[in-house]
């Protein structure tokens, strides 16, 4: 079995750069997953592996049964513990890495555009918030998530971890929101903006139509004016002891109400 022991190996340099750089992931249209759980999720959900399985001796021995069952057709390259720690985005490396092709936008497009319950994220940049929103949307059975072009990178390692792998399972795309919202409206989707404005309708008094998309704005500016102009309704969550809610918490409340 082939082994790599040098950090200067070109494959290791490539993996490390993919893990650290949003722009490099976008340029190469691929991303790295670490750990047997996430790598298995990607394979089961149809993501195309673009590399061998890079794995430490320790992980190979510890997960031998699972690896032989699910990854028997994968080429495997053994890496040292030092290299594993070097390329890992975790505090403690899981000792197993694989490069996957980013999802084809068209693969998810029909599922999203013809869905009944969607979340639209306008400019969100916090990987933890977006990851939590993906996890919540999957838990409540939403059909998909649409993100603006300036939202966080879908394949950020921190986002993937925060989503507990939901980003690999729930249909999602990043695209121009104005174009996509207009298409959704043509398909009778009700577009609902969430804002901090008491002139809007309180969530307590609002009934979501069967086909609804809730828009969550960025942590700093909220929903942009151009997107607000496309909303059919504007709603807000009544709160009393703080100025605003975390975007992920607000999304969870909306998901719960929309799923009732």
C-alpha atoms as a PDB file:
ATOM      1  CA  UNK A   1       0.000   0.000   0.000  1.00  0.00           C
ATOM      2  CA  UNK A   2       1.333   3.434  -0.951  1.00  0.00           C
ATOM      3  CA  UNK A   3       2.499   5.676   1.908  1.00  0.00           C
ATOM      4  CA  UNK A   4       3.062   9.410   2.254  1.00  0.00           C
ATOM      5  CA  UNK A   5       5.284  10.771   5.009  1.00  0.00           C
ATOM      6  CA  UNK A   6       6.198  14.240   3.740  1.00  0.00           C
ATOM      7  CA  UNK A   7       4.144  17.427   4.125  1.00  0.00           C
ATOM      8  CA  UNK A   8       5.742  18.613   0.879  1.00  0.00           C
ATOM      9  CA  UNK A   9       4.010  15.891  -1.126  1.00  0.00           C
ATOM     10  CA  UNK A  10       1.922  17.646  -3.813  1.00  0.00           C
ATOM     11  CA  UNK A  11      -1.241  15.734  -2.916  1.00  0.00           C
ATOM     12  CA  UNK A  12      -0.916  16.804   0.727  1.00  0.00           C
ATOM     13  CA  UNK A  13      -0.301  20.423  -0.270  1.00  0.00           C
ATOM     14  CA  UNK A  14      -3.411  20.279  -2.476  1.00  0.00           C
ATOM     15  CA  UNK A  15      -5.626  18.822   0.286  1.00  0.00           C
ATOM     16  CA  UNK A  16      -4.358  21.357   2.802  1.00  0.00           C
ATOM     17  CA  UNK A  17      -5.114  24.248   0.449  1.00  0.00           C
ATOM     18  CA  UNK A  18      -8.619  22.941  -0.286  1.00  0.00           C
ATOM     19  CA  UNK A  19      -9.309  22.748   3.439  1.00  0.00           C
ATOM     20  CA  UNK A  20      -8.065  26.281   4.104  1.00  0.00           C
ATOM     21  CA  UNK A  21      -9.226  28.325   1.110  1.00  0.00           C
ATOM     22  CA  UNK A  22     -12.797  29.096  -0.009  1.00  0.00           C
ATOM     23  CA  UNK A  23     -11.571  30.544  -3.304  1.00  0.00           C
ATOM     24  CA  UNK A  24      -9.413  27.485  -4.018  1.00  0.00           C
ATOM     25  CA  UNK A  25     -12.392  25.176  -3.430  1.00  0.00           C
ATOM     26  CA  UNK A  26     -14.497  27.279  -5.786  1.00  0.00           C
ATOM     27  CA  UNK A  27     -11.740  27.381  -8.428  1.00  0.00           C
ATOM     28  CA  UNK A  28     -11.316  23.599  -8.337  1.00  0.00           C
ATOM     29  CA  UNK A  29     -15.009  22.758  -7.797  1.00  0.00           C
ATOM     30  CA  UNK A  30     -14.224  20.268  -5.059  1.00  0.00           C
ATOM     31  CA  UNK A  31     -13.824  19.980  -1.292  1.00  0.00           C
ATOM     32  CA  UNK A  32     -12.321  17.755   1.410  1.00  0.00           C
ATOM     33  CA  UNK A  33     -14.195  15.649   3.923  1.00  0.00           C
ATOM     34  CA  UNK A  34     -12.623  14.264   7.074  1.00  0.00           C
ATOM     35  CA  UNK A  35     -13.739  11.299   9.119  1.00  0.00           C
ATOM     36  CA  UNK A  36     -15.542   8.093   8.281  1.00  0.00           C
ATOM     37  CA  UNK A  37     -19.024   9.452   9.083  1.00  0.00           C
ATOM     38  CA  UNK A  38     -18.927  12.408   6.675  1.00  0.00           C
ATOM     39  CA  UNK A  39     -17.095  10.502   3.959  1.00  0.00           C
ATOM     40  CA  UNK A  40     -19.680   7.707   4.179  1.00  0.00           C
ATOM     41  CA  UNK A  41     -22.521  10.258   4.024  1.00  0.00           C
ATOM     42  CA  UNK A  42     -21.048  11.787   0.873  1.00  0.00           C
ATOM     43  CA  UNK A  43     -20.714   8.407  -0.852  1.00  0.00           C
ATOM     44  CA  UNK A  44     -24.253   7.363   0.119  1.00  0.00           C
ATOM     45  CA  UNK A  45     -25.649  10.672  -1.179  1.00  0.00           C
ATOM     46  CA  UNK A  46     -24.042  10.403  -4.584  1.00  0.00           C
ATOM     47  CA  UNK A  47     -21.058  12.740  -4.261  1.00  0.00           C
ATOM     48  CA  UNK A  48     -18.257  11.774  -6.632  1.00  0.00           C
ATOM     49  CA  UNK A  49     -14.916  10.969  -4.947  1.00  0.00           C
ATOM     50  CA  UNK A  50     -11.980  12.545  -6.787  1.00  0.00           C
ATOM     51  CA  UNK A  51      -9.138  11.088  -4.772  1.00  0.00           C
ATOM     52  CA  UNK A  52      -7.989   7.972  -2.962  1.00  0.00           C
ATOM     53  CA  UNK A  53      -8.803   7.549   0.703  1.00  0.00           C
ATOM     54  CA  UNK A  54      -5.960   9.128   2.675  1.00  0.00           C
ATOM     55  CA  UNK A  55      -5.858   7.331   5.997  1.00  0.00           C
ATOM     56  CA  UNK A  56      -3.563   6.802   8.960  1.00  0.00           C
ATOM     57  CA  UNK A  57      -2.453   3.355  10.065  1.00  0.00           C
ATOM     58  CA  UNK A  58      -4.328   3.843  13.335  1.00  0.00           C
ATOM     59  CA  UNK A  59      -7.611   4.733  11.594  1.00  0.00           C
ATOM     60  CA  UNK A  60      -7.159   1.906   9.093  1.00  0.00           C
ATOM     61  CA  UNK A  61      -6.863  -0.650  11.881  1.00  0.00           C
ATOM     62  CA  UNK A  62      -9.564   0.882  14.087  1.00  0.00           C
ATOM     63  CA  UNK A  63     -12.161   1.125  11.291  1.00  0.00           C
ATOM     64  CA  UNK A  64     -11.063  -1.930   9.305  1.00  0.00           C
ATOM     65  CA  UNK A  65     -14.476  -3.620   9.259  1.00  0.00           C
ATOM     66  CA  UNK A  66     -16.360  -0.515   8.050  1.00  0.00           C
ATOM     67  CA  UNK A  67     -13.642   0.400   5.552  1.00  0.00           C
ATOM     68  CA  UNK A  68     -13.667  -3.087   4.072  1.00  0.00           C
ATOM     69  CA  UNK A  69     -17.447  -2.980   3.773  1.00  0.00           C
ATOM     70  CA  UNK A  70     -17.976   0.519   2.345  1.00  0.00           C
ATOM     71  CA  UNK A  71     -14.636   1.489   0.847  1.00  0.00           C
ATOM     72  CA  UNK A  72     -13.251  -1.772  -0.517  1.00  0.00           C
ATOM     73  CA  UNK A  73     -13.136  -0.312  -4.054  1.00  0.00           C
ATOM     74  CA  UNK A  74     -11.337   2.850  -2.953  1.00  0.00           C
ATOM     75  CA  UNK A  75      -7.619   3.157  -3.482  1.00  0.00           C
ATOM     76  CA  UNK A  76      -6.068   3.782  -0.063  1.00  0.00           C
ATOM     77  CA  UNK A  77      -2.948   5.767   0.740  1.00  0.00           C
ATOM     78  CA  UNK A  78      -1.511   5.583   4.230  1.00  0.00           C
ATOM     79  CA  UNK A  79      -0.438   8.905   5.737  1.00  0.00           C
ATOM     80  CA  UNK A  80       1.485   9.585   8.929  1.00  0.00           C
ATOM     81  CA  UNK A  81      -0.156  10.951  12.080  1.00  0.00           C
ATOM     82  CA  UNK A  82       1.874  14.132  11.614  1.00  0.00           C
ATOM     83  CA  UNK A  83       0.459  14.692   8.123  1.00  0.00           C
ATOM     84  CA  UNK A  84      -3.037  13.876   9.330  1.00  0.00           C
ATOM     85  CA  UNK A  85      -2.794  16.596  11.997  1.00  0.00           C
ATOM     86  CA  UNK A  86      -1.265  18.980   9.447  1.00  0.00           C
ATOM     87  CA  UNK A  87      -4.156  18.766   6.970  1.00  0.00           C
ATOM     88  CA  UNK A  88      -6.967  18.384   9.514  1.00  0.00           C
ATOM     89  CA  UNK A  89      -9.351  21.251  10.227  1.00  0.00           C
ATOM     90  CA  UNK A  90     -10.261  19.658  13.569  1.00  0.00           C
ATOM     91  CA  UNK A  91      -8.449  20.079  16.863  1.00  0.00           C
ATOM     92  CA  UNK A  92      -8.037  16.314  16.932  1.00  0.00           C
ATOM     93  CA  UNK A  93      -7.592  14.696  13.531  1.00  0.00           C
ATOM     94  CA  UNK A  94      -9.874  11.801  12.610  1.00  0.00           C
ATOM     95  CA  UNK A  95      -7.168  10.275  10.419  1.00  0.00           C
ATOM     96  CA  UNK A  96      -9.222   9.827   7.237  1.00  0.00           C
ATOM     97  CA  UNK A  97      -9.646  12.209   4.281  1.00  0.00           C
ATOM     98  CA  UNK A  98     -11.133  12.203   0.791  1.00  0.00           C
ATOM     99  CA  UNK A  99     -11.689  14.836  -1.907  1.00  0.00           C
ATOM    100  CA  UNK A 100     -15.163  15.077  -3.475  1.00  0.00           C
ATOM    101  CA  UNK A 101     -16.568  16.982  -6.410  1.00  0.00           C
ATOM    102  CA  UNK A 102     -18.896  19.827  -5.436  1.00  0.00           C
ATOM    103  CA  UNK A 103     -22.525  19.019  -6.155  1.00  0.00           C
ATOM    104  CA  UNK A 104     -23.833  19.815  -9.613  1.00  0.00           C
ATOM    105  CA  UNK A 105     -26.233  22.745  -9.139  1.00  0.00           C
ATOM    106  CA  UNK A 106     -28.619  21.289 -11.731  1.00  0.00           C
ATOM    107  CA  UNK A 107     -28.887  18.063  -9.736  1.00  0.00           C
ATOM    108  CA  UNK A 108     -30.668  19.907  -6.909  1.00  0.00           C
ATOM    109  CA  UNK A 109     -32.339  22.605  -8.949  1.00  0.00           C
ATOM    110  CA  UNK A 110     -35.596  20.818  -9.804  1.00  0.00           C
ATOM    111  CA  UNK A 111     -36.030  19.581  -6.232  1.00  0.00           C
ATOM    112  CA  UNK A 112     -35.702  23.110  -4.895  1.00  0.00           C
ATOM    113  CA  UNK A 113     -37.658  25.024  -7.528  1.00  0.00           C
ATOM    114  CA  UNK A 114     -40.566  22.559  -7.281  1.00  0.00           C
ATOM    115  CA  UNK A 115     -40.493  22.262  -3.491  1.00  0.00           C
ATOM    116  CA  UNK A 116     -43.205  23.268  -1.037  1.00  0.00           C
ATOM    117  CA  UNK A 117     -41.170  24.459   1.952  1.00  0.00           C
ATOM    118  CA  UNK A 118     -37.878  26.251   1.464  1.00  0.00           C
ATOM    119  CA  UNK A 119     -35.412  28.397   3.370  1.00  0.00           C
ATOM    120  CA  UNK A 120     -33.683  31.246   1.541  1.00  0.00           C
ATOM    121  CA  UNK A 121     -30.506  32.694   3.066  1.00  0.00           C
ATOM    122  CA  UNK A 122     -29.630  36.228   2.010  1.00  0.00           C
ATOM    123  CA  UNK A 123     -25.959  36.979   2.636  1.00  0.00           C
ATOM    124  CA  UNK A 124     -25.353  34.875   5.769  1.00  0.00           C
ATOM    125  CA  UNK A 125     -21.637  34.582   6.543  1.00  0.00           C
ATOM    126  CA  UNK A 126     -21.436  32.736   9.852  1.00  0.00           C
ATOM    127  CA  UNK A 127     -20.582  29.079   9.193  1.00  0.00           C
ATOM    128  CA  UNK A 128     -21.988  27.960  12.547  1.00  0.00           C
ATOM    129  CA  UNK A 129     -25.335  29.655  11.932  1.00  0.00           C
ATOM    130  CA  UNK A 130     -25.691  28.320   8.396  1.00  0.00           C
ATOM    131  CA  UNK A 131     -24.658  24.816   9.454  1.00  0.00           C
ATOM    132  CA  UNK A 132     -27.254  24.849  12.240  1.00  0.00           C
ATOM    133  CA  UNK A 133     -29.932  26.076   9.804  1.00  0.00           C
ATOM    134  CA  UNK A 134     -29.177  23.164   7.467  1.00  0.00           C
ATOM    135  CA  UNK A 135     -29.464  20.725  10.362  1.00  0.00           C
ATOM    136  CA  UNK A 136     -32.786  22.240  11.466  1.00  0.00           C
ATOM    137  CA  UNK A 137     -34.216  22.330   7.931  1.00  0.00           C
ATOM    138  CA  UNK A 138     -33.451  18.647   7.469  1.00  0.00           C
ATOM    139  CA  UNK A 139     -34.945  17.785  10.861  1.00  0.00           C
ATOM    140  CA  UNK A 140     -38.249  19.449   9.896  1.00  0.00           C
ATOM    141  CA  UNK A 141     -38.378  17.911   6.430  1.00  0.00           C
ATOM    142  CA  UNK A 142     -37.807  21.027   4.319  1.00  0.00           C
ATOM    143  CA  UNK A 143     -37.371  20.539   0.581  1.00  0.00           C
ATOM    144  CA  UNK A 144     -34.227  22.598   0.207  1.00  0.00           C
ATOM    145  CA  UNK A 145     -32.149  25.672   0.932  1.00  0.00           C
ATOM    146  CA  UNK A 146     -31.295  28.457  -1.493  1.00  0.00           C
ATOM    147  CA  UNK A 147     -28.337  30.721  -0.697  1.00  0.00           C
ATOM    148  CA  UNK A 148     -27.325  34.023  -2.262  1.00  0.00           C
ATOM    149  CA  UNK A 149     -24.043  34.220  -4.165  1.00  0.00           C
ATOM    150  CA  UNK A 150     -22.476  36.234  -1.352  1.00  0.00           C
ATOM    151  CA  UNK A 151     -23.441  33.756   1.373  1.00  0.00           C
ATOM    152  CA  UNK A 152     -20.934  31.534   3.112  1.00  0.00           C
ATOM    153  CA  UNK A 153     -19.155  28.759   1.191  1.00  0.00           C
ATOM    154  CA  UNK A 154     -21.294  25.607   1.335  1.00  0.00           C
ATOM    155  CA  UNK A 155     -18.232  23.375   1.606  1.00  0.00           C
ATOM    156  CA  UNK A 156     -16.434  25.144   4.423  1.00  0.00           C
ATOM    157  CA  UNK A 157     -15.219  22.406   6.807  1.00  0.00           C
ATOM    158  CA  UNK A 158     -16.705  24.295   9.764  1.00  0.00           C
ATOM    159  CA  UNK A 159     -20.102  24.561   8.044  1.00  0.00           C
ATOM    160  CA  UNK A 160     -20.135  20.863   7.181  1.00  0.00           C
ATOM    161  CA  UNK A 161     -19.349  19.955  10.797  1.00  0.00           C
ATOM    162  CA  UNK A 162     -21.926  22.410  12.189  1.00  0.00           C
ATOM    163  CA  UNK A 163     -24.578  20.899   9.919  1.00  0.00           C
ATOM    164  CA  UNK A 164     -23.689  17.376  11.134  1.00  0.00           C
ATOM    165  CA  UNK A 165     -23.561  16.394   7.458  1.00  0.00           C
ATOM    166  CA  UNK A 166     -27.000  17.827   6.584  1.00  0.00           C
ATOM    167  CA  UNK A 167     -25.411  19.959   3.859  1.00  0.00           C
ATOM    168  CA  UNK A 168     -24.540  16.674   2.108  1.00  0.00           C
ATOM    169  CA  UNK A 169     -28.127  15.443   2.252  1.00  0.00           C
ATOM    170  CA  UNK A 170     -30.602  18.310   1.871  1.00  0.00           C
ATOM    171  CA  UNK A 171     -30.873  19.876  -1.623  1.00  0.00           C
ATOM    172  CA  UNK A 172     -29.113  23.256  -1.707  1.00  0.00           C
ATOM    173  CA  UNK A 173     -27.664  25.693  -4.221  1.00  0.00           C
ATOM    174  CA  UNK A 174     -25.978  29.112  -4.237  1.00  0.00           C
ATOM    175  CA  UNK A 175     -27.236  31.425  -6.947  1.00  0.00           C
ATOM    176  CA  UNK A 176     -28.612  34.862  -7.748  1.00  0.00           C
ATOM    177  CA  UNK A 177     -31.587  35.221  -5.417  1.00  0.00           C
ATOM    178  CA  UNK A 178     -33.533  37.732  -7.499  1.00  0.00           C
ATOM    179  CA  UNK A 179     -33.637  35.343 -10.466  1.00  0.00           C
ATOM    180  CA  UNK A 180     -34.532  32.343  -8.328  1.00  0.00           C
ATOM    181  CA  UNK A 181     -37.203  34.110  -6.273  1.00  0.00           C
ATOM    182  CA  UNK A 182     -38.943  35.304  -9.432  1.00  0.00           C
ATOM    183  CA  UNK A 183     -39.018  31.704 -10.692  1.00  0.00           C
ATOM    184  CA  UNK A 184     -40.409  30.507  -7.365  1.00  0.00           C
ATOM    185  CA  UNK A 185     -43.148  33.134  -7.495  1.00  0.00           C
ATOM    186  CA  UNK A 186     -44.063  31.953 -10.987  1.00  0.00           C
ATOM    187  CA  UNK A 187     -44.626  28.532  -9.399  1.00  0.00           C
ATOM    188  CA  UNK A 188     -47.027  29.999  -6.810  1.00  0.00           C
ATOM    189  CA  UNK A 189     -44.485  29.943  -3.980  1.00  0.00           C
ATOM    190  CA  UNK A 190     -45.286  32.502  -1.263  1.00  0.00           C
ATOM    191  CA  UNK A 191     -42.130  34.479  -0.465  1.00  0.00           C
ATOM    192  CA  UNK A 192     -41.966  35.578   3.172  1.00  0.00           C
ATOM    193  CA  UNK A 193     -39.324  37.898   4.582  1.00  0.00           C
ATOM    194  CA  UNK A 194     -38.275  37.878   8.231  1.00  0.00           C
ATOM    195  CA  UNK A 195     -37.478  41.368   9.522  1.00  0.00           C
ATOM    196  CA  UNK A 196     -37.084  43.283  12.785  1.00  0.00           C
ATOM    197  CA  UNK A 197     -39.993  45.642  12.217  1.00  0.00           C
ATOM    198  CA  UNK A 198     -43.154  45.761  14.280  1.00  0.00           C
ATOM    199  CA  UNK A 199     -45.016  47.126  11.251  1.00  0.00           C
ATOM    200  CA  UNK A 200     -44.688  43.612   9.841  1.00  0.00           C
ATOM    201  CA  UNK A 201     -47.072  40.798  10.807  1.00  0.00           C
ATOM    202  CA  UNK A 202     -46.288  39.002  14.047  1.00  0.00           C
ATOM    203  CA  UNK A 203     -45.410  35.346  13.576  1.00  0.00           C
ATOM    204  CA  UNK A 204     -48.107  34.550  16.154  1.00  0.00           C
ATOM    205  CA  UNK A 205     -50.743  35.976  13.791  1.00  0.00           C
ATOM    206  CA  UNK A 206     -49.409  34.538  10.545  1.00  0.00           C
ATOM    207  CA  UNK A 207     -50.504  31.327   8.808  1.00  0.00           C
ATOM    208  CA  UNK A 208     -48.034  29.912   6.333  1.00  0.00           C
ATOM    209  CA  UNK A 209     -49.461  28.837   2.957  1.00  0.00           C
ATOM    210  CA  UNK A 210     -48.799  25.302   1.788  1.00  0.00           C
ATOM    211  CA  UNK A 211     -46.053  26.527  -0.570  1.00  0.00           C
ATOM    212  CA  UNK A 212     -43.853  28.868   1.440  1.00  0.00           C
ATOM    213  CA  UNK A 213     -40.270  30.101   1.399  1.00  0.00           C
ATOM    214  CA  UNK A 214     -38.917  31.989   4.414  1.00  0.00           C
ATOM    215  CA  UNK A 215     -36.034  34.413   3.859  1.00  0.00           C
ATOM    216  CA  UNK A 216     -33.455  34.873   6.613  1.00  0.00           C
ATOM    217  CA  UNK A 217     -31.227  37.933   6.242  1.00  0.00           C
ATOM    218  CA  UNK A 218     -27.564  38.296   7.111  1.00  0.00           C
ATOM    219  CA  UNK A 219     -26.457  38.687  10.723  1.00  0.00           C
ATOM    220  CA  UNK A 220     -25.567  42.348  10.245  1.00  0.00           C
ATOM    221  CA  UNK A 221     -27.755  43.997   7.603  1.00  0.00           C
ATOM    222  CA  UNK A 222     -30.786  41.700   7.462  1.00  0.00           C
ATOM    223  CA  UNK A 223     -32.578  41.165   4.146  1.00  0.00           C
ATOM    224  CA  UNK A 224     -31.396  43.441   1.327  1.00  0.00           C
ATOM    225  CA  UNK A 225     -33.824  46.010  -0.073  1.00  0.00           C
ATOM    226  CA  UNK A 226     -33.908  44.341  -3.505  1.00  0.00           C
ATOM    227  CA  UNK A 227     -34.966  41.059  -1.917  1.00  0.00           C
ATOM    228  CA  UNK A 228     -37.509  42.775   0.360  1.00  0.00           C
ATOM    229  CA  UNK A 229     -39.171  44.212  -2.735  1.00  0.00           C
ATOM    230  CA  UNK A 230     -39.872  40.666  -3.949  1.00  0.00           C
ATOM    231  CA  UNK A 231     -41.466  39.463  -0.706  1.00  0.00           C
ATOM    232  CA  UNK A 232     -45.189  38.778  -0.615  1.00  0.00           C
ATOM    233  CA  UNK A 233     -45.337  39.091   3.172  1.00  0.00           C
ATOM    234  CA  UNK A 234     -43.091  40.407   5.947  1.00  0.00           C
ATOM    235  CA  UNK A 235     -43.180  38.822   9.394  1.00  0.00           C
ATOM    236  CA  UNK A 236     -41.328  39.165  12.681  1.00  0.00           C
ATOM    237  CA  UNK A 237     -40.849  37.167  15.875  1.00  0.00           C
ATOM    238  CA  UNK A 238     -42.085  38.971  18.958  1.00  0.00           C
ATOM    239  CA  UNK A 239     -39.392  39.081  21.638  1.00  0.00           C
ATOM    240  CA  UNK A 240     -39.128  41.146  24.810  1.00  0.00           C
ATOM    241  CA  UNK A 241     -35.728  40.928  26.489  1.00  0.00           C
ATOM    242  CA  UNK A 242     -33.190  41.255  23.674  1.00  0.00           C
ATOM    243  CA  UNK A 243     -32.836  43.278  20.492  1.00  0.00           C
ATOM    244  CA  UNK A 244     -32.652  40.339  18.094  1.00  0.00           C
ATOM    245  CA  UNK A 245     -32.315  36.586  17.799  1.00  0.00           C
ATOM    246  CA  UNK A 246     -29.415  34.613  16.415  1.00  0.00           C
ATOM    247  CA  UNK A 247     -30.141  33.760  12.744  1.00  0.00           C
ATOM    248  CA  UNK A 248     -30.061  30.014  13.442  1.00  0.00           C
ATOM    249  CA  UNK A 249     -32.478  30.347  16.385  1.00  0.00           C
ATOM    250  CA  UNK A 250     -34.860  32.487  14.337  1.00  0.00           C
ATOM    251  CA  UNK A 251     -34.733  29.959  11.490  1.00  0.00           C
ATOM    252  CA  UNK A 252     -35.525  27.131  13.915  1.00  0.00           C
ATOM    253  CA  UNK A 253     -38.623  28.984  15.163  1.00  0.00           C
ATOM    254  CA  UNK A 254     -39.817  29.587  11.602  1.00  0.00           C
ATOM    255  CA  UNK A 255     -39.174  25.942  10.664  1.00  0.00           C
ATOM    256  CA  UNK A 256     -41.237  24.767  13.608  1.00  0.00           C
ATOM    257  CA  UNK A 257     -44.147  27.059  12.730  1.00  0.00           C
ATOM    258  CA  UNK A 258     -44.038  26.145   9.040  1.00  0.00           C
ATOM    259  CA  UNK A 259     -44.054  22.428   9.793  1.00  0.00           C
ATOM    260  CA  UNK A 260     -47.082  22.518  12.115  1.00  0.00           C
END
